N, C-alpha and C. Protein backbone atom coordinates (compact mmCIF):
# COMPACT_ATOMS: atom_id res chain seq x y z
N GLN A 1 -7.49 3.26 -19.22
CA GLN A 1 -6.66 2.33 -18.46
C GLN A 1 -5.65 3.11 -17.64
N VAL A 2 -5.43 2.64 -16.43
CA VAL A 2 -4.49 3.29 -15.52
C VAL A 2 -3.48 2.25 -15.05
N GLN A 3 -2.22 2.62 -15.07
CA GLN A 3 -1.19 1.75 -14.50
C GLN A 3 -0.77 2.29 -13.14
N LEU A 4 -0.63 1.37 -12.21
CA LEU A 4 -0.13 1.72 -10.88
C LEU A 4 1.26 1.09 -10.73
N VAL A 5 2.23 1.89 -10.39
CA VAL A 5 3.61 1.42 -10.29
C VAL A 5 4.12 1.61 -8.88
N GLU A 6 4.42 0.49 -8.22
CA GLU A 6 4.92 0.54 -6.84
C GLU A 6 6.44 0.59 -6.83
N SER A 7 6.96 1.15 -5.76
CA SER A 7 8.40 1.15 -5.53
C SER A 7 8.65 1.26 -4.03
N GLY A 8 9.90 0.97 -3.63
CA GLY A 8 10.27 1.18 -2.24
C GLY A 8 10.42 -0.08 -1.41
N GLY A 9 10.10 -1.24 -1.97
CA GLY A 9 10.27 -2.47 -1.21
C GLY A 9 11.74 -2.81 -1.03
N GLY A 10 11.99 -3.84 -0.23
CA GLY A 10 13.36 -4.27 -0.02
C GLY A 10 13.50 -5.13 1.21
N LEU A 11 14.74 -5.30 1.63
CA LEU A 11 15.07 -6.11 2.79
C LEU A 11 15.44 -5.18 3.94
N VAL A 12 14.85 -5.43 5.10
CA VAL A 12 15.11 -4.59 6.27
C VAL A 12 15.11 -5.48 7.51
N GLN A 13 15.86 -5.06 8.51
CA GLN A 13 15.87 -5.80 9.77
C GLN A 13 14.63 -5.47 10.59
N ALA A 14 14.25 -6.38 11.45
CA ALA A 14 13.13 -6.15 12.35
C ALA A 14 13.36 -4.86 13.13
N GLY A 15 12.30 -4.07 13.25
CA GLY A 15 12.40 -2.79 13.92
C GLY A 15 12.69 -1.63 12.98
N GLY A 16 13.04 -1.94 11.76
CA GLY A 16 13.36 -0.92 10.77
C GLY A 16 12.14 -0.36 10.10
N SER A 17 12.40 0.51 9.11
CA SER A 17 11.32 1.21 8.40
C SER A 17 11.52 1.12 6.89
N LEU A 18 10.42 1.19 6.19
CA LEU A 18 10.42 1.31 4.74
C LEU A 18 9.26 2.22 4.34
N ARG A 19 9.42 2.86 3.20
CA ARG A 19 8.34 3.67 2.65
C ARG A 19 8.05 3.20 1.23
N LEU A 20 6.82 2.75 1.03
CA LEU A 20 6.39 2.32 -0.29
C LEU A 20 5.69 3.48 -1.00
N SER A 21 5.86 3.53 -2.31
CA SER A 21 5.18 4.52 -3.13
C SER A 21 4.41 3.82 -4.23
N CYS A 22 3.32 4.43 -4.64
CA CYS A 22 2.52 3.90 -5.73
C CYS A 22 2.08 5.08 -6.58
N ALA A 23 2.56 5.12 -7.81
CA ALA A 23 2.26 6.24 -8.71
C ALA A 23 1.29 5.79 -9.80
N ALA A 24 0.27 6.60 -10.02
CA ALA A 24 -0.69 6.33 -11.09
C ALA A 24 -0.22 6.98 -12.38
N SER A 25 -0.43 6.27 -13.47
CA SER A 25 0.10 6.75 -14.76
C SER A 25 -0.70 7.89 -15.35
N ARG A 26 -1.94 8.07 -14.92
CA ARG A 26 -2.80 9.07 -15.55
C ARG A 26 -2.93 10.29 -14.65
N SER A 27 -2.62 11.43 -15.20
CA SER A 27 -2.74 12.68 -14.46
C SER A 27 -4.20 12.94 -14.13
N GLY A 28 -4.44 13.41 -12.90
CA GLY A 28 -5.79 13.73 -12.49
C GLY A 28 -6.64 12.53 -12.11
N PHE A 29 -6.00 11.37 -12.00
CA PHE A 29 -6.73 10.15 -11.62
C PHE A 29 -7.20 10.30 -10.17
N ARG A 30 -8.51 10.25 -9.96
CA ARG A 30 -9.07 10.46 -8.62
C ARG A 30 -10.11 9.38 -8.33
N PRO A 31 -9.68 8.21 -7.94
CA PRO A 31 -10.65 7.17 -7.58
C PRO A 31 -11.29 7.46 -6.23
N TYR A 32 -12.23 6.66 -5.84
CA TYR A 32 -12.89 6.81 -4.54
C TYR A 32 -11.84 6.64 -3.42
N ALA A 33 -10.95 5.66 -3.60
CA ALA A 33 -9.96 5.39 -2.57
C ALA A 33 -8.76 4.66 -3.18
N MET A 34 -7.68 4.69 -2.41
CA MET A 34 -6.51 3.90 -2.73
C MET A 34 -6.22 3.00 -1.53
N ALA A 35 -5.61 1.87 -1.80
CA ALA A 35 -5.34 0.94 -0.71
C ALA A 35 -4.05 0.18 -0.95
N TRP A 36 -3.50 -0.30 0.14
CA TRP A 36 -2.38 -1.22 0.09
C TRP A 36 -2.86 -2.58 0.62
N HIS A 37 -2.56 -3.60 -0.15
CA HIS A 37 -2.81 -4.96 0.26
C HIS A 37 -1.47 -5.67 0.37
N ARG A 38 -1.46 -6.84 1.00
CA ARG A 38 -0.24 -7.65 1.01
C ARG A 38 -0.61 -9.12 0.95
N GLN A 39 0.34 -9.89 0.45
CA GLN A 39 0.14 -11.34 0.38
C GLN A 39 1.44 -12.04 0.75
N ALA A 40 1.38 -12.77 1.84
CA ALA A 40 2.53 -13.56 2.28
C ALA A 40 2.44 -14.95 1.67
N PRO A 41 3.56 -15.65 1.56
CA PRO A 41 3.55 -17.00 0.98
C PRO A 41 2.56 -17.91 1.70
N GLY A 42 1.71 -18.57 0.95
CA GLY A 42 0.77 -19.51 1.52
C GLY A 42 -0.43 -18.88 2.20
N LYS A 43 -0.56 -17.55 2.11
CA LYS A 43 -1.67 -16.86 2.78
C LYS A 43 -2.49 -16.10 1.76
N GLN A 44 -3.70 -15.76 2.16
CA GLN A 44 -4.56 -14.96 1.30
C GLN A 44 -4.13 -13.50 1.33
N ARG A 45 -4.44 -12.81 0.25
CA ARG A 45 -4.17 -11.38 0.20
C ARG A 45 -5.04 -10.67 1.23
N GLU A 46 -4.45 -9.71 1.94
CA GLU A 46 -5.20 -8.98 2.97
C GLU A 46 -5.06 -7.48 2.75
N LEU A 47 -6.11 -6.77 3.11
CA LEU A 47 -6.11 -5.31 3.04
C LEU A 47 -5.36 -4.78 4.24
N VAL A 48 -4.38 -3.94 4.00
CA VAL A 48 -3.52 -3.44 5.07
C VAL A 48 -3.89 -2.01 5.46
N ALA A 49 -4.08 -1.16 4.46
CA ALA A 49 -4.36 0.25 4.73
C ALA A 49 -5.18 0.82 3.58
N HIS A 50 -6.00 1.82 3.91
CA HIS A 50 -6.99 2.33 2.97
C HIS A 50 -7.12 3.82 3.19
N ILE A 51 -7.21 4.59 2.10
CA ILE A 51 -7.40 6.04 2.22
C ILE A 51 -8.37 6.50 1.16
N THR A 52 -9.41 7.22 1.58
CA THR A 52 -10.42 7.69 0.65
C THR A 52 -9.98 9.00 -0.01
N ASP A 53 -10.77 9.42 -0.96
CA ASP A 53 -10.48 10.65 -1.68
C ASP A 53 -10.45 11.86 -0.75
N ASN A 54 -11.25 11.82 0.31
CA ASN A 54 -11.27 12.95 1.24
C ASN A 54 -10.29 12.78 2.40
N GLY A 55 -9.46 11.74 2.33
CA GLY A 55 -8.39 11.59 3.30
C GLY A 55 -8.68 10.70 4.49
N SER A 56 -9.84 10.11 4.57
CA SER A 56 -10.15 9.21 5.67
C SER A 56 -9.33 7.92 5.52
N THR A 57 -8.77 7.48 6.64
CA THR A 57 -7.89 6.31 6.60
C THR A 57 -8.41 5.20 7.51
N SER A 58 -8.02 3.98 7.18
CA SER A 58 -8.31 2.84 8.03
C SER A 58 -7.19 1.81 7.84
N TYR A 59 -7.00 0.98 8.87
CA TYR A 59 -5.88 0.04 8.88
C TYR A 59 -6.30 -1.32 9.42
N ALA A 60 -5.59 -2.34 8.98
CA ALA A 60 -5.74 -3.64 9.59
C ALA A 60 -5.22 -3.57 11.02
N ASP A 61 -5.82 -4.33 11.91
CA ASP A 61 -5.40 -4.30 13.32
C ASP A 61 -3.91 -4.63 13.46
N SER A 62 -3.42 -5.49 12.60
CA SER A 62 -2.04 -5.96 12.72
C SER A 62 -1.01 -4.86 12.44
N VAL A 63 -1.43 -3.77 11.81
CA VAL A 63 -0.47 -2.71 11.46
C VAL A 63 -0.79 -1.37 12.11
N LYS A 64 -1.90 -1.28 12.82
CA LYS A 64 -2.28 -0.02 13.45
C LYS A 64 -1.18 0.48 14.37
N GLY A 65 -0.90 1.77 14.26
CA GLY A 65 0.13 2.37 15.10
C GLY A 65 1.53 2.23 14.53
N ARG A 66 1.69 1.41 13.49
CA ARG A 66 3.01 1.21 12.88
C ARG A 66 3.06 1.69 11.43
N PHE A 67 1.96 1.55 10.71
CA PHE A 67 1.91 1.92 9.30
C PHE A 67 1.06 3.18 9.14
N THR A 68 1.44 4.00 8.17
CA THR A 68 0.67 5.20 7.86
C THR A 68 0.51 5.31 6.35
N ILE A 69 -0.74 5.43 5.91
CA ILE A 69 -1.02 5.62 4.49
C ILE A 69 -1.29 7.10 4.24
N SER A 70 -0.80 7.61 3.13
CA SER A 70 -1.05 9.00 2.77
C SER A 70 -1.11 9.11 1.26
N ARG A 71 -1.61 10.23 0.78
CA ARG A 71 -1.70 10.41 -0.67
C ARG A 71 -1.36 11.85 -1.04
N ASP A 72 -0.75 11.99 -2.18
CA ASP A 72 -0.42 13.30 -2.74
C ASP A 72 -1.16 13.38 -4.07
N ASN A 73 -2.31 14.03 -4.06
CA ASN A 73 -3.13 14.06 -5.27
C ASN A 73 -2.45 14.81 -6.40
N ALA A 74 -1.65 15.80 -6.08
CA ALA A 74 -0.95 16.56 -7.12
C ALA A 74 0.05 15.67 -7.87
N ARG A 75 0.59 14.69 -7.18
CA ARG A 75 1.57 13.77 -7.79
C ARG A 75 0.94 12.43 -8.18
N ASN A 76 -0.36 12.30 -7.97
CA ASN A 76 -1.06 11.03 -8.27
C ASN A 76 -0.36 9.85 -7.61
N THR A 77 0.05 10.04 -6.37
CA THR A 77 0.85 9.05 -5.67
C THR A 77 0.29 8.77 -4.29
N VAL A 78 0.32 7.52 -3.89
CA VAL A 78 -0.06 7.13 -2.54
C VAL A 78 1.16 6.46 -1.90
N TYR A 79 1.30 6.65 -0.61
CA TYR A 79 2.46 6.16 0.12
C TYR A 79 2.03 5.24 1.27
N LEU A 80 2.94 4.37 1.66
CA LEU A 80 2.75 3.57 2.86
C LEU A 80 4.05 3.63 3.66
N GLN A 81 4.00 4.38 4.75
CA GLN A 81 5.15 4.45 5.65
C GLN A 81 5.02 3.31 6.65
N MET A 82 6.04 2.46 6.69
CA MET A 82 6.00 1.28 7.55
C MET A 82 7.13 1.38 8.57
N ASN A 83 6.76 1.48 9.84
CA ASN A 83 7.73 1.58 10.92
C ASN A 83 7.63 0.35 11.82
N SER A 84 8.65 0.16 12.63
CA SER A 84 8.66 -0.96 13.58
C SER A 84 8.31 -2.28 12.89
N LEU A 85 8.94 -2.52 11.78
CA LEU A 85 8.61 -3.70 10.98
C LEU A 85 8.95 -4.99 11.72
N LYS A 86 8.11 -5.98 11.47
CA LYS A 86 8.25 -7.30 12.09
C LYS A 86 8.43 -8.35 11.00
N PRO A 87 9.03 -9.48 11.33
CA PRO A 87 9.17 -10.55 10.32
C PRO A 87 7.83 -10.95 9.70
N GLU A 88 6.76 -10.88 10.48
CA GLU A 88 5.44 -11.26 9.95
C GLU A 88 4.88 -10.24 8.96
N ASP A 89 5.56 -9.12 8.78
CA ASP A 89 5.16 -8.15 7.75
C ASP A 89 5.72 -8.54 6.38
N THR A 90 6.56 -9.56 6.35
CA THR A 90 7.13 -10.01 5.08
C THR A 90 6.03 -10.47 4.13
N ALA A 91 6.03 -9.87 2.94
CA ALA A 91 4.97 -10.16 1.96
C ALA A 91 5.26 -9.38 0.69
N VAL A 92 4.50 -9.68 -0.34
CA VAL A 92 4.44 -8.82 -1.52
C VAL A 92 3.33 -7.81 -1.26
N TYR A 93 3.66 -6.54 -1.41
CA TYR A 93 2.71 -5.46 -1.16
C TYR A 93 2.21 -4.92 -2.50
N TYR A 94 0.89 -4.77 -2.59
CA TYR A 94 0.24 -4.30 -3.80
C TYR A 94 -0.57 -3.04 -3.50
N CYS A 95 -0.49 -2.06 -4.36
CA CYS A 95 -1.43 -0.96 -4.25
C CYS A 95 -2.57 -1.20 -5.23
N ALA A 96 -3.71 -0.64 -4.90
CA ALA A 96 -4.90 -0.81 -5.72
C ALA A 96 -5.76 0.43 -5.62
N SER A 97 -6.48 0.70 -6.69
CA SER A 97 -7.44 1.80 -6.67
C SER A 97 -8.84 1.23 -6.52
N GLN A 98 -9.65 1.94 -5.76
CA GLN A 98 -11.04 1.52 -5.55
C GLN A 98 -11.94 2.52 -6.25
N GLY A 99 -12.75 2.04 -7.18
CA GLY A 99 -13.61 2.94 -7.92
C GLY A 99 -14.80 3.40 -7.10
N TRP A 100 -15.57 4.32 -7.65
CA TRP A 100 -16.74 4.85 -6.95
C TRP A 100 -17.85 3.81 -6.83
N ASP A 101 -17.71 2.68 -7.55
CA ASP A 101 -18.62 1.56 -7.34
C ASP A 101 -18.11 0.62 -6.25
N LEU A 102 -16.99 1.01 -5.61
CA LEU A 102 -16.36 0.32 -4.50
C LEU A 102 -15.62 -0.96 -4.89
N ARG A 103 -15.50 -1.20 -6.16
CA ARG A 103 -14.70 -2.34 -6.61
C ARG A 103 -13.24 -1.90 -6.76
N PHE A 104 -12.32 -2.81 -6.39
CA PHE A 104 -10.91 -2.56 -6.65
C PHE A 104 -10.67 -2.79 -8.13
N GLN A 105 -10.28 -1.72 -8.81
CA GLN A 105 -10.28 -1.75 -10.27
C GLN A 105 -8.89 -1.98 -10.86
N TYR A 106 -7.91 -1.22 -10.40
CA TYR A 106 -6.56 -1.32 -10.94
C TYR A 106 -5.60 -1.76 -9.83
N TRP A 107 -4.63 -2.59 -10.23
CA TRP A 107 -3.65 -3.12 -9.28
C TRP A 107 -2.24 -2.87 -9.80
N GLY A 108 -1.33 -2.64 -8.87
CA GLY A 108 0.07 -2.57 -9.24
C GLY A 108 0.66 -3.96 -9.37
N GLN A 109 1.91 -4.01 -9.74
CA GLN A 109 2.57 -5.29 -9.99
C GLN A 109 3.09 -5.94 -8.71
N GLY A 110 3.13 -5.16 -7.65
CA GLY A 110 3.61 -5.69 -6.36
C GLY A 110 5.07 -5.38 -6.12
N THR A 111 5.39 -5.18 -4.85
CA THR A 111 6.77 -4.96 -4.45
C THR A 111 7.06 -5.81 -3.20
N GLN A 112 8.20 -6.48 -3.22
CA GLN A 112 8.53 -7.41 -2.13
C GLN A 112 9.08 -6.65 -0.94
N VAL A 113 8.54 -6.97 0.23
CA VAL A 113 9.08 -6.48 1.50
C VAL A 113 9.48 -7.70 2.32
N THR A 114 10.74 -7.72 2.72
CA THR A 114 11.25 -8.82 3.53
C THR A 114 11.85 -8.26 4.81
N VAL A 115 11.36 -8.76 5.94
CA VAL A 115 11.85 -8.29 7.24
C VAL A 115 12.57 -9.45 7.91
N SER A 116 13.84 -9.26 8.18
CA SER A 116 14.64 -10.32 8.80
C SER A 116 14.64 -10.16 10.32
N SER A 117 14.72 -11.27 11.00
CA SER A 117 14.69 -11.23 12.47
C SER A 117 16.08 -11.09 13.05
């Protein structure tokens, strides 16, 4: 069993930045990929950013050019740098690990990001 612990959420004004972190509890944990999802009130959870074990990244169109996902394998941590934040980015952000069978296996507890206009 692996626990994923997110941190870094908070309240920020539009145009501001936040950096989310997600640390895995097990040393040497190397899934196929890590990802950040988000869920806004009344909306379905959506995949925001994705990074594979070899460092390939992909993003939702709504965040391209503003968000950057990265990972530090030595620290078992994945990051989401969020710049130029907009009110529509307000959501609970979850990190998740994707196993080699491509299923999202472990999820963090979520961290709230609120962007004020």
